[in-house]
Amino acid sequence: MPVYISLMKWTSQGLGGLPAWRDRIEEGERAIEERGGKLLDTYVTLGRYDLVEIFEAPDDETAYQILIAVARHGTVHTETLRGFTRDEAEKIVKHL
């Protein structure tokens, strides 16, 4: 299943509700699971981004639905990357 790495930054609204951040993480996990994906891990980070979530989704369209569901409350801005395993990357390179 494709892997997505989502870099997240709290909005002003999100910072205001920071005590409930764990509830938001769990809400995101439910949004992922309801669409057939799986939350692999979440990291609170220092630097440019406040959170990093790594999740699986069946396809890009489903990943986009998940991201919209998570961002619709206005608490985070996201930048999401599609991750490829070494094996997946090797298969892609072999076709060049």
N, C-alpha and C. Protein backbone atom coordinates (compact mmCIF):
# COMPACT_ATOMS: atom_id res chain seq x y z
N MET A 1 0.86 -1.17 0.00
CA MET A 1 0.00 0.00 0.00
C MET A 1 0.91 1.24 0.00
N PRO A 2 0.57 2.27 -0.78
CA PRO A 2 1.40 3.48 -0.83
C PRO A 2 1.54 4.14 0.55
N VAL A 3 2.71 4.73 0.76
CA VAL A 3 3.02 5.42 2.02
C VAL A 3 3.07 6.92 1.75
N TYR A 4 2.55 7.69 2.69
CA TYR A 4 2.53 9.15 2.59
C TYR A 4 3.14 9.73 3.86
N ILE A 5 3.96 10.75 3.67
CA ILE A 5 4.60 11.44 4.79
C ILE A 5 4.02 12.85 4.80
N SER A 6 3.29 13.16 5.85
CA SER A 6 2.61 14.44 5.93
C SER A 6 3.31 15.33 6.96
N LEU A 7 3.83 16.46 6.47
CA LEU A 7 4.49 17.45 7.32
C LEU A 7 3.43 18.46 7.72
N MET A 8 3.25 18.68 9.02
CA MET A 8 2.15 19.51 9.49
C MET A 8 2.66 20.66 10.35
N LYS A 9 2.00 21.79 10.20
CA LYS A 9 2.32 22.98 10.99
C LYS A 9 1.02 23.49 11.59
N TRP A 10 1.02 23.73 12.91
CA TRP A 10 -0.18 24.24 13.56
C TRP A 10 -0.54 25.62 13.03
N THR A 11 -1.81 25.86 12.85
CA THR A 11 -2.30 27.21 12.55
C THR A 11 -2.50 27.92 13.89
N SER A 12 -2.85 29.20 13.86
CA SER A 12 -3.15 29.94 15.09
C SER A 12 -4.28 29.25 15.84
N GLN A 13 -5.28 28.83 15.10
CA GLN A 13 -6.42 28.12 15.71
C GLN A 13 -5.96 26.81 16.34
N GLY A 14 -5.09 26.11 15.67
CA GLY A 14 -4.58 24.85 16.19
C GLY A 14 -3.77 25.04 17.46
N LEU A 15 -2.96 26.11 17.49
CA LEU A 15 -2.18 26.38 18.70
C LEU A 15 -3.08 26.72 19.87
N GLY A 16 -4.19 27.41 19.59
CA GLY A 16 -5.13 27.75 20.65
C GLY A 16 -5.76 26.53 21.30
N GLY A 17 -5.91 25.48 20.52
CA GLY A 17 -6.50 24.25 21.04
C GLY A 17 -5.48 23.17 21.32
N LEU A 18 -4.24 23.57 21.49
CA LEU A 18 -3.14 22.61 21.64
C LEU A 18 -3.33 21.58 22.75
N PRO A 19 -3.95 21.92 23.87
CA PRO A 19 -4.12 20.89 24.89
C PRO A 19 -4.86 19.64 24.37
N ALA A 20 -5.65 19.80 23.33
CA ALA A 20 -6.42 18.66 22.80
C ALA A 20 -5.74 18.05 21.57
N TRP A 21 -4.42 18.27 21.41
CA TRP A 21 -3.74 17.79 20.21
C TRP A 21 -3.85 16.28 20.05
N ARG A 22 -3.82 15.55 21.14
CA ARG A 22 -3.91 14.09 21.04
C ARG A 22 -5.26 13.67 20.46
N ASP A 23 -6.32 14.38 20.83
CA ASP A 23 -7.65 14.09 20.25
C ASP A 23 -7.62 14.30 18.74
N ARG A 24 -6.92 15.32 18.29
CA ARG A 24 -6.83 15.57 16.84
C ARG A 24 -6.06 14.47 16.13
N ILE A 25 -5.01 13.98 16.77
CA ILE A 25 -4.24 12.88 16.18
C ILE A 25 -5.14 11.66 16.03
N GLU A 26 -5.91 11.37 17.08
CA GLU A 26 -6.81 10.22 17.03
C GLU A 26 -7.91 10.42 15.99
N GLU A 27 -8.38 11.65 15.83
CA GLU A 27 -9.38 11.95 14.79
C GLU A 27 -8.79 11.69 13.41
N GLY A 28 -7.54 12.11 13.22
CA GLY A 28 -6.86 11.85 11.96
C GLY A 28 -6.69 10.36 11.70
N GLU A 29 -6.36 9.63 12.75
CA GLU A 29 -6.21 8.18 12.62
C GLU A 29 -7.54 7.53 12.20
N ARG A 30 -8.63 7.99 12.79
CA ARG A 30 -9.95 7.46 12.39
C ARG A 30 -10.26 7.80 10.93
N ALA A 31 -9.93 9.02 10.50
CA ALA A 31 -10.16 9.41 9.09
C ALA A 31 -9.38 8.51 8.15
N ILE A 32 -8.17 8.15 8.54
CA ILE A 32 -7.34 7.27 7.72
C ILE A 32 -7.95 5.86 7.68
N GLU A 33 -8.30 5.33 8.84
CA GLU A 33 -8.83 3.96 8.92
C GLU A 33 -10.18 3.84 8.22
N GLU A 34 -11.03 4.86 8.33
CA GLU A 34 -12.35 4.82 7.67
C GLU A 34 -12.22 4.73 6.15
N ARG A 35 -11.09 5.16 5.63
CA ARG A 35 -10.87 5.15 4.18
C ARG A 35 -9.93 4.03 3.75
N GLY A 36 -9.74 3.05 4.63
CA GLY A 36 -8.95 1.87 4.27
C GLY A 36 -7.46 2.00 4.45
N GLY A 37 -7.01 3.05 5.15
CA GLY A 37 -5.59 3.24 5.36
C GLY A 37 -5.18 2.88 6.77
N LYS A 38 -3.92 3.22 7.09
CA LYS A 38 -3.40 2.93 8.41
C LYS A 38 -2.39 4.01 8.80
N LEU A 39 -2.54 4.56 10.00
CA LEU A 39 -1.55 5.49 10.53
C LEU A 39 -0.37 4.67 11.03
N LEU A 40 0.81 4.90 10.46
CA LEU A 40 1.99 4.14 10.84
C LEU A 40 2.70 4.75 12.04
N ASP A 41 2.79 6.09 12.07
CA ASP A 41 3.41 6.74 13.22
C ASP A 41 3.19 8.24 13.14
N THR A 42 3.31 8.88 14.28
CA THR A 42 3.21 10.33 14.41
C THR A 42 4.38 10.81 15.25
N TYR A 43 5.01 11.89 14.80
CA TYR A 43 6.12 12.48 15.53
C TYR A 43 5.83 13.95 15.78
N VAL A 44 6.10 14.41 16.99
CA VAL A 44 6.12 15.84 17.29
C VAL A 44 7.55 16.26 17.03
N THR A 45 7.73 17.34 16.26
CA THR A 45 9.07 17.69 15.81
C THR A 45 9.45 19.12 16.16
N LEU A 46 10.73 19.37 16.17
CA LEU A 46 11.29 20.70 16.32
C LEU A 46 11.63 21.21 14.93
N GLY A 47 11.61 22.50 14.74
CA GLY A 47 11.99 23.06 13.44
C GLY A 47 10.79 23.60 12.69
N ARG A 48 10.87 23.54 11.38
CA ARG A 48 9.87 24.16 10.51
C ARG A 48 8.47 23.57 10.67
N TYR A 49 8.38 22.28 10.95
CA TYR A 49 7.10 21.60 11.10
C TYR A 49 6.90 21.17 12.55
N ASP A 50 5.63 21.11 12.95
CA ASP A 50 5.30 20.74 14.32
C ASP A 50 5.01 19.26 14.49
N LEU A 51 4.51 18.64 13.43
CA LEU A 51 4.15 17.22 13.46
C LEU A 51 4.53 16.57 12.14
N VAL A 52 4.83 15.29 12.21
CA VAL A 52 5.01 14.48 11.01
C VAL A 52 4.16 13.23 11.20
N GLU A 53 3.28 12.98 10.24
CA GLU A 53 2.48 11.74 10.28
C GLU A 53 2.85 10.90 9.07
N ILE A 54 3.03 9.63 9.30
CA ILE A 54 3.33 8.70 8.23
C ILE A 54 2.16 7.72 8.18
N PHE A 55 1.52 7.64 7.02
CA PHE A 55 0.35 6.78 6.90
C PHE A 55 0.31 6.08 5.56
N GLU A 56 -0.46 5.00 5.53
CA GLU A 56 -0.71 4.27 4.29
C GLU A 56 -2.12 4.59 3.83
N ALA A 57 -2.31 4.62 2.53
CA ALA A 57 -3.64 4.78 1.94
C ALA A 57 -3.67 3.95 0.66
N PRO A 58 -4.85 3.50 0.26
CA PRO A 58 -4.95 2.65 -0.92
C PRO A 58 -4.43 3.31 -2.21
N ASP A 59 -4.57 4.64 -2.34
CA ASP A 59 -4.15 5.33 -3.55
C ASP A 59 -4.07 6.83 -3.28
N ASP A 60 -3.59 7.59 -4.27
CA ASP A 60 -3.43 9.04 -4.10
C ASP A 60 -4.76 9.75 -3.85
N GLU A 61 -5.80 9.31 -4.53
CA GLU A 61 -7.10 9.94 -4.36
C GLU A 61 -7.60 9.80 -2.93
N THR A 62 -7.43 8.62 -2.37
CA THR A 62 -7.85 8.38 -0.98
C THR A 62 -6.98 9.18 -0.02
N ALA A 63 -5.69 9.26 -0.28
CA ALA A 63 -4.80 10.07 0.57
C ALA A 63 -5.26 11.51 0.57
N TYR A 64 -5.66 12.02 -0.59
CA TYR A 64 -6.14 13.40 -0.69
C TYR A 64 -7.42 13.59 0.12
N GLN A 65 -8.32 12.63 0.05
CA GLN A 65 -9.55 12.70 0.86
C GLN A 65 -9.21 12.75 2.35
N ILE A 66 -8.26 11.95 2.77
CA ILE A 66 -7.82 11.93 4.17
C ILE A 66 -7.28 13.29 4.57
N LEU A 67 -6.43 13.86 3.74
CA LEU A 67 -5.82 15.14 4.06
C LEU A 67 -6.86 16.26 4.15
N ILE A 68 -7.85 16.23 3.28
CA ILE A 68 -8.91 17.22 3.35
C ILE A 68 -9.71 17.05 4.64
N ALA A 69 -10.01 15.81 4.99
CA ALA A 69 -10.76 15.55 6.23
C ALA A 69 -10.00 16.07 7.44
N VAL A 70 -8.68 15.91 7.45
CA VAL A 70 -7.87 16.34 8.58
C VAL A 70 -7.75 17.87 8.61
N ALA A 71 -7.57 18.49 7.46
CA ALA A 71 -7.31 19.93 7.39
C ALA A 71 -8.58 20.78 7.44
N ARG A 72 -9.73 20.20 7.25
CA ARG A 72 -10.96 20.99 7.13
C ARG A 72 -11.30 21.79 8.39
N HIS A 73 -10.76 21.39 9.52
CA HIS A 73 -11.05 22.11 10.77
C HIS A 73 -10.19 23.36 10.93
N GLY A 74 -9.20 23.52 10.06
CA GLY A 74 -8.37 24.72 10.09
C GLY A 74 -7.31 24.74 11.18
N THR A 75 -6.96 23.58 11.72
CA THR A 75 -5.99 23.55 12.81
C THR A 75 -4.55 23.28 12.34
N VAL A 76 -4.40 22.76 11.12
CA VAL A 76 -3.06 22.49 10.59
C VAL A 76 -2.97 22.81 9.11
N HIS A 77 -1.76 23.15 8.70
CA HIS A 77 -1.42 23.23 7.28
C HIS A 77 -0.59 21.98 7.01
N THR A 78 -0.80 21.35 5.86
CA THR A 78 -0.07 20.13 5.55
C THR A 78 0.71 20.26 4.26
N GLU A 79 1.81 19.56 4.21
CA GLU A 79 2.58 19.34 2.99
C GLU A 79 2.87 17.85 2.98
N THR A 80 2.37 17.17 1.96
CA THR A 80 2.44 15.72 1.98
C THR A 80 3.28 15.19 0.83
N LEU A 81 4.09 14.21 1.15
CA LEU A 81 5.00 13.57 0.20
C LEU A 81 4.59 12.13 0.01
N ARG A 82 4.68 11.64 -1.20
CA ARG A 82 4.46 10.21 -1.47
C ARG A 82 5.81 9.54 -1.29
N GLY A 83 5.86 8.57 -0.39
CA GLY A 83 7.12 7.87 -0.13
C GLY A 83 7.18 6.56 -0.90
N PHE A 84 8.37 6.23 -1.35
CA PHE A 84 8.62 4.96 -2.05
C PHE A 84 9.66 4.17 -1.26
N THR A 85 9.41 2.90 -1.06
CA THR A 85 10.40 2.05 -0.40
C THR A 85 11.59 1.86 -1.34
N ARG A 86 12.65 1.30 -0.81
CA ARG A 86 13.82 1.02 -1.67
C ARG A 86 13.43 0.09 -2.82
N ASP A 87 12.65 -0.94 -2.52
CA ASP A 87 12.25 -1.88 -3.56
C ASP A 87 11.39 -1.20 -4.62
N GLU A 88 10.46 -0.36 -4.20
CA GLU A 88 9.61 0.36 -5.16
C GLU A 88 10.46 1.28 -6.04
N ALA A 89 11.39 1.99 -5.41
CA ALA A 89 12.25 2.90 -6.17
C ALA A 89 13.11 2.13 -7.16
N GLU A 90 13.60 0.97 -6.74
CA GLU A 90 14.43 0.14 -7.62
C GLU A 90 13.64 -0.31 -8.85
N LYS A 91 12.40 -0.69 -8.66
CA LYS A 91 11.55 -1.09 -9.80
C LYS A 91 11.34 0.07 -10.76
N ILE A 92 11.15 1.27 -10.21
CA ILE A 92 10.95 2.45 -11.05
C ILE A 92 12.21 2.74 -11.86
N VAL A 93 13.36 2.69 -11.21
CA VAL A 93 14.63 2.99 -11.87
C VAL A 93 14.94 1.97 -12.95
N LYS A 94 14.58 0.72 -12.74
CA LYS A 94 14.86 -0.33 -13.72
C LYS A 94 14.15 -0.07 -15.05
N HIS A 95 13.06 0.70 -15.03
CA HIS A 95 12.30 0.97 -16.25
C HIS A 95 12.81 2.20 -17.00
N LEU A 96 13.89 2.81 -16.56
CA LEU A 96 14.43 4.00 -17.25
C LEU A 96 15.22 3.58 -18.47
